[in-house]
Structures are given as structure tokens and as C-alpha cells.
Amino acid sequence: MPNIIHINEPGYSRIKFINLLVETEEMKWKILEFHNQKFILDRIVGSAFSREGHIEFLKKLPTITREHYIVYFDDKAIGKYSFEVEGDDVVNPGDFLF
């Protein structure tokens, strides 16, 4: 998968996706805060993500098959989108807004 995905369709050209592998260290840690937002914990996960667990996730990130992208609108981070690829298909998508 590419490191940066730009959408060149009318109405979507202000959106881009940046692969978490090439994101800044600041953003790699900022998503831990985003994951631990109350509305995410209440609706999706149920328990908080720990710093230690996030360290392990970041260590494994280069080897896992699930793709993780930060979504930007006008260069402002607005969410995270993750998915798996099977052949030409995107499967098991997951997303949340910051």
C-alpha cells in the first residue's frame, strides 16, 4: 500500500490518508489519546489502552498485515482508518474520528 493516498475526485480532494508507519512520532503517540476517548471506549472497546500495550503495538506495526492510516482533511488529522486487504478487496474496515 502507498504511504500517502490522495483522493483526486471532486469534493474529496481535501482528504488524504497517511500510513501510520511513516507518521510522525508525535502522531503515533497521539492516537493512544484518541483511542482512549470516552465515546470510543464506551461504544467499541470497553477498556482503556495502556502505554505499554501501545508500545507493543508500535513495535509490531511494521509486521502486521492490517493497514493503519491517519485521515486528514485540509491537513488536519480527523480520524484513523484501518483495514485488511484480501486480493483486490478491502475487508474488515475500522475507523474512528478524533
Protein backbone atom coordinates (compact mmCIF):
# COMPACT_ATOMS: atom_id res chain seq x y z
CA MET A 1 0.00 0.00 0.00
CA PRO A 2 1.20 3.53 -0.64
CA ASN A 3 2.39 5.70 2.24
CA ILE A 4 0.15 8.61 1.24
CA ILE A 5 -3.19 8.35 -0.52
CA HIS A 6 -4.67 11.47 -2.11
CA ILE A 7 -8.22 11.44 -3.40
CA ASN A 8 -8.43 13.39 -6.64
CA GLU A 9 -12.20 13.29 -7.01
CA PRO A 10 -14.33 16.44 -6.88
CA GLY A 11 -15.45 17.07 -3.32
CA TYR A 12 -12.78 14.78 -1.85
CA SER A 13 -9.54 16.45 -2.93
CA ARG A 14 -9.05 17.97 0.53
CA ILE A 15 -8.75 14.49 2.08
CA LYS A 16 -5.59 12.44 2.35
CA PHE A 17 -4.55 9.29 4.19
CA ILE A 18 -1.05 8.84 5.66
CA ASN A 19 0.19 5.39 6.60
CA LEU A 20 0.87 5.20 10.33
CA LEU A 21 4.24 3.61 9.56
CA VAL A 22 5.53 6.90 8.13
CA GLU A 23 3.70 9.24 10.51
CA THR A 24 5.49 11.45 12.99
CA GLU A 25 6.34 10.08 16.41
CA GLU A 26 4.01 12.70 17.84
CA MET A 27 1.07 11.32 15.84
CA LYS A 28 1.98 7.72 16.66
CA TRP A 29 1.53 8.63 20.34
CA LYS A 30 -1.39 10.98 19.83
CA ILE A 31 -3.54 8.09 18.60
CA LEU A 32 -3.22 6.49 22.04
CA GLU A 33 -5.09 9.51 23.42
CA PHE A 34 -7.62 9.28 20.60
CA HIS A 35 -8.19 5.56 21.24
CA ASN A 36 -8.87 6.33 24.88
CA GLN A 37 -11.64 8.86 24.26
CA LYS A 38 -14.71 8.06 26.34
CA PHE A 39 -17.07 7.65 23.37
CA ILE A 40 -14.71 5.11 21.79
CA LEU A 41 -14.20 3.15 24.99
CA ASP A 42 -17.95 3.12 25.71
CA ARG A 43 -19.00 2.00 22.24
CA ILE A 44 -16.20 -0.10 20.85
CA VAL A 45 -13.60 -1.38 23.27
CA GLY A 46 -14.77 -1.27 26.85
CA SER A 47 -11.37 -0.82 28.49
CA ALA A 48 -8.58 1.71 28.16
CA PHE A 49 -5.48 1.16 26.05
CA SER A 50 -2.29 1.25 28.11
CA ARG A 51 1.00 2.92 27.28
CA GLU A 52 2.73 -0.46 27.48
CA GLY A 53 0.21 -2.01 25.10
CA HIS A 54 0.69 0.88 22.69
CA ILE A 55 4.47 0.40 22.79
CA GLU A 56 3.95 -3.25 21.80
CA PHE A 57 1.55 -2.25 19.02
CA LEU A 58 4.08 0.22 17.59
CA LYS A 59 6.84 -2.43 17.73
CA LYS A 60 4.65 -4.90 15.81
CA LEU A 61 3.23 -2.33 13.36
CA PRO A 62 5.77 -2.99 10.56
CA THR A 63 4.97 -6.71 10.58
CA ILE A 64 1.18 -6.79 10.92
CA THR A 65 -0.99 -7.21 7.84
CA ARG A 66 -3.65 -4.74 8.92
CA GLU A 67 -3.08 -1.31 7.38
CA HIS A 68 -3.43 1.78 9.58
CA TYR A 69 -3.86 5.28 8.15
CA ILE A 70 -4.40 8.69 9.72
CA VAL A 71 -7.08 10.63 7.83
CA TYR A 72 -6.53 14.32 7.17
CA PHE A 73 -8.93 17.00 5.96
CA ASP A 74 -7.23 20.24 4.93
CA ASP A 75 -4.07 18.92 6.63
CA LYS A 76 -5.84 18.49 9.98
CA ALA A 77 -5.97 14.98 11.45
CA ILE A 78 -9.61 13.97 11.76
CA GLY A 79 -9.51 10.22 12.25
CA LYS A 80 -7.92 6.83 11.80
CA TYR A 81 -8.85 4.22 9.24
CA SER A 82 -7.60 0.65 9.38
CA PHE A 83 -8.32 -2.31 7.15
CA GLU A 84 -7.06 -5.58 5.75
CA VAL A 85 -6.55 -6.44 2.10
CA GLU A 86 -7.66 -9.72 0.54
CA GLY A 87 -6.75 -9.81 -3.13
CA ASP A 88 -8.15 -6.59 -4.57
CA ASP A 89 -10.66 -6.11 -1.76
CA VAL A 90 -10.56 -4.05 1.42
CA VAL A 91 -12.04 -6.11 4.26
CA ASN A 92 -12.70 -5.62 7.97
CA PRO A 93 -12.52 -1.83 7.88
CA GLY A 94 -12.41 0.07 11.12
CA ASP A 95 -12.49 3.79 11.62
CA PHE A 96 -12.97 6.45 14.23
CA LEU A 97 -12.93 10.22 14.37
CA PHE A 98 -10.59 12.20 16.56
